């Protein structure tokens, strides 16, 4: 596979990002088959490792009140969702299923999680190339693992990267029907009223994330010709209007996460020496890119406390 072009980073620092902007949780790949969860203040200080376990701990996301972190782990063999205290203590399972469960997102009241899983689509014989890949659907569950509800039900469509709206009424996600380009869709929190917010015949739209006020959605765009594509971050209004790039400095990025005041975005990108992936911050217009984490491991899945 061809190497992605070296990004051009501007060393400007976003103004006034400090402890008042809370903490950012992320995962770091320490070894080939081991990743762990870390937390750091939004000014880059007080880096703390929260998990230490064989296998993968990844996809961390803060609860609305900041007291808990939901995450994905293979600590007992399967890809399941767990919840722990903000200091890494008291780890308890939410799911326990032979299928893969991943990418949790909290409801704003902190009582439920939405996540993606292939639990009901593993044994479908499509008779085409889909048989070689997992097909994911969206589910919700109480934080104790009870009352699991399947929200999307098209076995020919992959539904990923769900994010619960701040008002609790909607869930935005990325979807891919058959082998078309992924698009951004939205449903009501009960799974009804599904419709497309943004799509493109050339670009893959993935990883949507709500702004804290619910008025905007940030997401990643990757060229359908992946060998030529450089990830780009975009922002649109919550109704799908006014789609615009925020990569003014040619900084490729994925997995956007908004600061509590909505002024900044954390994202994953290549380290400027191209040796690893790591976490950066920037103003929401794409200016003022700041390297947040500089450790010897590839880092991803940044999530900013609300």
Protein backbone atom coordinates (compact mmCIF):
# COMPACT_ATOMS: atom_id res chain seq x y z
CA UNK A 1 0.00 0.00 0.00
CA UNK A 2 1.32 3.45 -0.87
CA UNK A 3 2.46 5.66 1.95
CA UNK A 4 0.15 8.53 2.86
CA UNK A 5 1.69 11.88 2.01
CA UNK A 6 3.49 13.58 4.85
CA UNK A 7 1.15 16.12 6.50
CA UNK A 8 2.11 19.76 6.89
CA UNK A 9 1.59 20.81 10.50
CA UNK A 10 1.51 24.40 11.64
CA UNK A 11 2.98 24.71 15.13
CA UNK A 12 0.48 27.33 16.30
CA UNK A 13 -1.16 26.49 19.63
CA UNK A 14 -4.91 26.95 20.23
CA UNK A 15 -5.44 29.81 22.62
CA UNK A 16 -6.34 29.22 26.26
CA UNK A 17 -6.66 25.43 26.19
CA UNK A 18 -6.03 24.51 29.80
CA UNK A 19 -7.26 22.42 32.71
CA UNK A 20 -10.59 24.23 32.57
CA UNK A 21 -11.25 22.32 29.35
CA UNK A 22 -11.12 19.04 31.26
CA UNK A 23 -9.49 15.77 30.29
CA UNK A 24 -9.08 13.66 27.16
CA UNK A 25 -9.14 9.88 27.26
CA UNK A 26 -7.57 7.81 24.47
CA UNK A 27 -6.12 4.39 23.66
CA UNK A 28 -2.47 3.65 22.88
CA UNK A 29 -1.08 0.56 21.18
CA UNK A 30 1.81 -0.58 23.38
CA UNK A 31 2.50 -3.79 21.46
CA UNK A 32 1.19 -5.49 18.33
CA UNK A 33 -1.65 -7.23 20.20
CA UNK A 34 -1.98 -4.93 23.20
CA UNK A 35 -3.53 -1.51 23.60
CA UNK A 36 -4.31 0.31 26.85
CA UNK A 37 -6.31 3.37 27.90
CA UNK A 38 -4.72 6.62 29.06
CA UNK A 39 -6.06 9.98 30.20
CA UNK A 40 -4.41 13.40 29.92
CA UNK A 41 -5.34 16.98 30.77
CA UNK A 42 -6.27 19.05 27.73
CA UNK A 43 -3.07 21.09 28.11
CA UNK A 44 -1.02 17.89 27.68
CA UNK A 45 -0.10 17.47 31.35
CA UNK A 46 -0.86 14.73 33.90
CA UNK A 47 -0.71 11.72 31.59
CA UNK A 48 -2.07 8.68 33.47
CA UNK A 49 -2.42 5.07 32.36
CA UNK A 50 -5.81 3.64 33.39
CA UNK A 51 -5.72 -0.01 32.23
CA UNK A 52 -3.15 -2.79 32.25
CA UNK A 53 -4.36 -6.02 30.72
CA UNK A 54 -3.38 -8.49 28.02
CA UNK A 55 -5.23 -7.91 24.76
CA UNK A 56 -6.93 -4.74 23.59
CA UNK A 57 -8.53 -1.94 25.60
CA UNK A 58 -9.79 0.71 23.19
CA UNK A 59 -12.66 3.02 22.11
CA UNK A 60 -12.87 4.89 25.47
CA UNK A 61 -15.66 7.44 25.96
CA UNK A 62 -16.57 9.59 28.98
CA UNK A 63 -19.93 9.39 30.70
CA UNK A 64 -21.83 12.70 30.65
CA UNK A 65 -20.89 13.56 34.24
CA UNK A 66 -17.25 12.47 33.81
CA UNK A 67 -17.35 9.87 36.58
CA UNK A 68 -17.22 6.79 34.30
CA UNK A 69 -15.56 5.65 31.09
CA UNK A 70 -17.08 3.09 28.73
CA UNK A 71 -14.59 1.19 26.58
CA UNK A 72 -14.08 -1.94 24.48
CA UNK A 73 -11.86 -4.79 25.64
CA UNK A 74 -10.79 -8.31 24.71
CA UNK A 75 -9.66 -9.05 28.27
CA UNK A 76 -11.82 -12.18 28.41
CA UNK A 77 -11.47 -13.19 24.78
CA UNK A 78 -14.47 -11.56 23.11
CA UNK A 79 -14.76 -7.95 21.96
CA UNK A 80 -17.11 -6.60 24.63
CA UNK A 81 -18.02 -3.27 26.22
CA UNK A 82 -17.05 -2.44 29.80
CA UNK A 83 -17.47 0.50 32.17
CA UNK A 84 -14.91 1.68 34.71
CA UNK A 85 -14.52 4.58 37.11
CA UNK A 86 -12.65 7.62 35.78
CA UNK A 87 -9.54 6.50 37.70
CA UNK A 88 -9.57 3.04 36.09
CA UNK A 89 -11.04 1.20 39.06
CA UNK A 90 -14.15 -1.00 39.31
CA UNK A 91 -14.26 -2.44 35.78
CA UNK A 92 -17.60 -4.11 35.04
CA UNK A 93 -18.96 -5.67 31.81
CA UNK A 94 -21.89 -4.25 29.88
CA UNK A 95 -22.02 -6.86 27.12
CA UNK A 96 -21.08 -10.55 27.15
CA UNK A 97 -21.59 -11.94 23.68
CA UNK A 98 -19.69 -14.12 21.19
CA UNK A 99 -20.23 -11.43 18.57
CA UNK A 100 -18.18 -8.24 18.42
CA UNK A 101 -19.51 -5.26 20.38
CA UNK A 102 -17.69 -1.96 19.95
CA UNK A 103 -17.72 1.83 19.67
CA UNK A 104 -19.99 2.78 22.61
CA UNK A 105 -21.60 6.21 23.01
CA UNK A 106 -23.47 7.40 26.12
CA UNK A 107 -26.99 8.76 26.24
CA UNK A 108 -26.91 12.29 27.72
CA UNK A 109 -28.63 11.11 30.92
CA UNK A 110 -25.88 8.52 31.45
CA UNK A 111 -28.36 5.63 31.67
CA UNK A 112 -27.79 3.93 28.29
CA UNK A 113 -25.17 3.17 25.67
CA UNK A 114 -25.51 2.83 21.92
CA UNK A 115 -22.98 0.55 20.22
CA UNK A 116 -22.32 -1.48 17.08
CA UNK A 117 -22.35 -5.28 16.92
CA UNK A 118 -22.43 -8.17 14.47
CA UNK A 119 -24.29 -10.38 16.96
CA UNK A 120 -27.32 -10.96 14.70
CA UNK A 121 -25.59 -10.91 11.31
CA UNK A 122 -22.76 -13.42 11.69
CA UNK A 123 -24.54 -16.41 10.18
CA UNK A 124 -26.14 -14.77 7.14
CA UNK A 125 -25.05 -16.31 3.81
CA UNK A 126 -25.00 -13.41 1.35
CA UNK A 127 -23.53 -15.40 -1.51
CA UNK A 128 -21.13 -12.60 -2.41
CA UNK A 129 -18.08 -10.74 -1.06
CA UNK A 130 -19.99 -9.76 2.09
CA UNK A 131 -19.44 -13.31 3.37
CA UNK A 132 -15.80 -12.37 3.94
CA UNK A 133 -16.60 -9.38 6.20
CA UNK A 134 -18.59 -8.67 9.34
CA UNK A 135 -21.85 -6.73 8.99
CA UNK A 136 -22.67 -4.45 11.92
CA UNK A 137 -25.94 -3.04 13.21
CA UNK A 138 -26.67 -0.55 16.01
CA UNK A 139 -27.96 -1.53 19.46
CA UNK A 140 -28.76 0.26 22.69
CA UNK A 141 -28.58 -1.13 26.22
CA UNK A 142 -28.84 0.04 29.79
CA UNK A 143 -25.43 0.60 31.37
CA UNK A 144 -25.88 -2.57 33.44
CA UNK A 145 -26.25 -4.56 30.21
CA UNK A 146 -29.99 -5.09 30.44
CA UNK A 147 -32.67 -4.21 27.88
CA UNK A 148 -30.60 -4.68 24.71
CA UNK A 149 -32.54 -3.23 21.75
CA UNK A 150 -31.60 -3.58 18.09
CA UNK A 151 -31.99 -0.15 16.49
CA UNK A 152 -31.10 -0.82 12.84
CA UNK A 153 -32.27 -3.88 10.94
CA UNK A 154 -30.98 -3.90 7.38
CA UNK A 155 -28.64 -6.93 7.16
CA UNK A 156 -27.22 -5.58 3.89
CA UNK A 157 -26.05 -2.33 5.51
CA UNK A 158 -23.14 -1.78 7.88
CA UNK A 159 -23.95 0.77 10.59
CA UNK A 160 -20.97 2.09 12.56
CA UNK A 161 -19.56 4.92 14.66
CA UNK A 162 -22.74 5.96 16.45
CA UNK A 163 -22.93 9.16 18.51
CA UNK A 164 -25.88 10.10 20.76
CA UNK A 165 -27.14 13.68 20.39
CA UNK A 166 -26.83 16.04 23.40
CA UNK A 167 -30.63 16.34 23.67
CA UNK A 168 -31.01 12.54 23.72
CA UNK A 169 -33.45 12.47 20.82
CA UNK A 170 -31.23 11.29 17.96
CA UNK A 171 -28.30 9.05 17.09
CA UNK A 172 -26.00 9.91 14.20
CA UNK A 173 -23.84 7.23 12.60
CA UNK A 174 -21.95 6.13 9.50
CA UNK A 175 -23.57 3.56 7.20
CA UNK A 176 -22.54 1.59 4.14
CA UNK A 177 -25.11 -0.30 2.08
CA UNK A 178 -23.68 -3.11 -0.03
CA UNK A 179 -20.38 -1.73 -1.35
CA UNK A 180 -21.37 1.92 -1.81
CA UNK A 181 -19.45 4.77 -0.19
CA UNK A 182 -20.21 5.20 3.54
CA UNK A 183 -22.52 8.09 4.36
CA UNK A 184 -23.73 9.87 7.50
CA UNK A 185 -27.25 8.93 8.62
CA UNK A 186 -29.42 9.73 11.61
CA UNK A 187 -32.21 7.94 13.49
CA UNK A 188 -34.42 8.68 16.45
CA UNK A 189 -33.14 7.21 19.71
CA UNK A 190 -35.73 4.43 19.43
CA UNK A 191 -34.52 3.46 15.92
CA UNK A 192 -37.30 5.16 13.96
CA UNK A 193 -37.15 7.88 11.30
CA UNK A 194 -33.90 6.84 9.64
CA UNK A 195 -32.59 9.18 6.95
CA UNK A 196 -29.39 10.36 5.25
CA UNK A 197 -27.68 13.56 6.41
CA UNK A 198 -24.64 13.58 4.12
CA UNK A 199 -23.36 11.42 1.28
CA UNK A 200 -20.90 11.65 -1.59
CA UNK A 201 -20.15 9.36 -4.54
CA UNK A 202 -16.38 9.79 -4.15
CA UNK A 203 -15.75 10.19 -0.44
CA UNK A 204 -16.36 7.93 2.54
CA UNK A 205 -18.06 9.81 5.39
CA UNK A 206 -17.29 8.23 8.76
CA UNK A 207 -16.97 8.84 12.53
CA UNK A 208 -19.58 11.58 13.16
CA UNK A 209 -19.45 13.46 16.48
CA UNK A 210 -21.96 15.97 17.86
CA UNK A 211 -20.90 19.40 19.07
CA UNK A 212 -21.81 20.01 22.74
CA UNK A 213 -24.70 22.32 21.81
CA UNK A 214 -26.07 19.83 19.25
CA UNK A 215 -25.97 22.38 16.43
CA UNK A 216 -23.10 20.84 14.45
CA UNK A 217 -21.59 17.46 13.61
CA UNK A 218 -17.91 16.88 12.87
CA UNK A 219 -16.92 13.84 10.82
CA UNK A 220 -14.05 12.35 8.80
CA UNK A 221 -13.88 12.10 5.02
CA UNK A 222 -11.67 9.59 3.22
CA UNK A 223 -11.38 9.20 -0.54
CA UNK A 224 -13.02 6.05 -1.88
CA UNK A 225 -9.69 5.49 -3.63
CA UNK A 226 -8.02 4.75 -0.30
CA UNK A 227 -4.53 4.43 -1.78
CA UNK A 228 -4.73 8.05 -2.91
CA UNK A 229 -6.81 9.40 -0.05
CA UNK A 230 -5.73 11.58 2.84
CA UNK A 231 -8.22 11.75 5.74
CA UNK A 232 -9.93 15.10 6.05
CA UNK A 233 -12.11 16.53 8.82
CA UNK A 234 -15.38 18.28 8.03
CA UNK A 235 -18.16 20.00 9.97
CA UNK A 236 -21.81 20.38 9.02
CA UNK A 237 -24.98 21.72 10.60
CA UNK A 238 -26.99 19.08 12.44
CA UNK A 239 -29.55 19.02 9.60
CA UNK A 240 -26.85 18.16 7.03
CA UNK A 241 -26.45 21.68 5.61
CA UNK A 242 -23.28 23.77 5.33
CA UNK A 243 -20.73 20.97 4.93
CA UNK A 244 -17.24 22.44 5.02
CA UNK A 245 -13.66 21.29 5.58
CA UNK A 246 -11.82 22.36 8.72
CA UNK A 247 -8.43 21.13 7.49
CA UNK A 248 -7.11 24.50 6.48
CA UNK A 249 -3.56 23.45 7.34
CA UNK A 250 -3.58 20.23 5.31
CA UNK A 251 -3.62 18.14 8.47
CA UNK A 252 -5.10 14.71 7.83
CA UNK A 253 -7.28 13.58 10.69
CA UNK A 254 -9.89 11.11 11.93
CA UNK A 255 -12.01 10.48 15.04
CA UNK A 256 -12.98 14.08 15.91
CA UNK A 257 -14.10 14.95 19.45
CA UNK A 258 -15.30 18.42 20.56
CA UNK A 259 -14.12 20.33 23.62
CA UNK A 260 -16.77 21.06 26.29
CA UNK A 261 -17.13 24.67 25.12
CA UNK A 262 -17.28 23.69 21.44
CA UNK A 263 -14.24 25.83 20.50
CA UNK A 264 -11.75 23.05 19.82
CA UNK A 265 -11.58 19.59 18.28
CA UNK A 266 -9.32 16.71 19.31
CA UNK A 267 -8.45 14.28 16.53
CA UNK A 268 -6.11 11.44 15.56
CA UNK A 269 -3.40 11.94 12.95
CA UNK A 270 0.06 10.86 11.88
CA UNK A 271 2.83 12.23 14.07
CA UNK A 272 4.79 14.72 11.99
CA UNK A 273 7.79 12.35 11.85
CA UNK A 274 5.46 9.68 10.38
CA UNK A 275 6.47 7.03 12.95
CA UNK A 276 3.08 6.69 14.65
CA UNK A 277 -0.46 7.95 15.01
CA UNK A 278 -1.12 10.37 17.85
CA UNK A 279 -3.55 12.95 19.28
CA UNK A 280 -3.76 16.60 18.22
CA UNK A 281 -5.99 19.56 19.09
CA UNK A 282 -7.08 22.41 16.84
CA UNK A 283 -9.50 25.30 16.69
CA UNK A 284 -12.79 24.36 15.04
CA UNK A 285 -11.84 26.30 11.90
CA UNK A 286 -8.76 24.08 11.46
CA UNK A 287 -6.22 26.61 12.68
CA UNK A 288 -3.84 26.36 15.63
CA UNK A 289 -2.93 22.67 15.49
CA UNK A 290 -1.30 21.48 18.72
CA UNK A 291 0.40 18.16 19.41
CA UNK A 292 -1.24 16.90 22.61
CA UNK A 293 0.37 13.50 23.19
CA UNK A 294 3.98 12.60 22.37
CA UNK A 295 4.67 9.11 23.70
CA UNK A 296 6.41 6.19 21.93
CA UNK A 297 3.11 4.50 21.01
CA UNK A 298 0.47 4.99 18.35
CA UNK A 299 -2.53 6.72 19.93
CA UNK A 300 -6.13 6.94 18.74
CA UNK A 301 -9.81 7.23 19.73
CA UNK A 302 -9.49 10.51 21.62
CA UNK A 303 -12.60 11.51 23.57
CA UNK A 304 -12.97 14.87 25.33
CA UNK A 305 -14.82 14.96 28.63
CA UNK A 306 -18.07 16.93 28.50
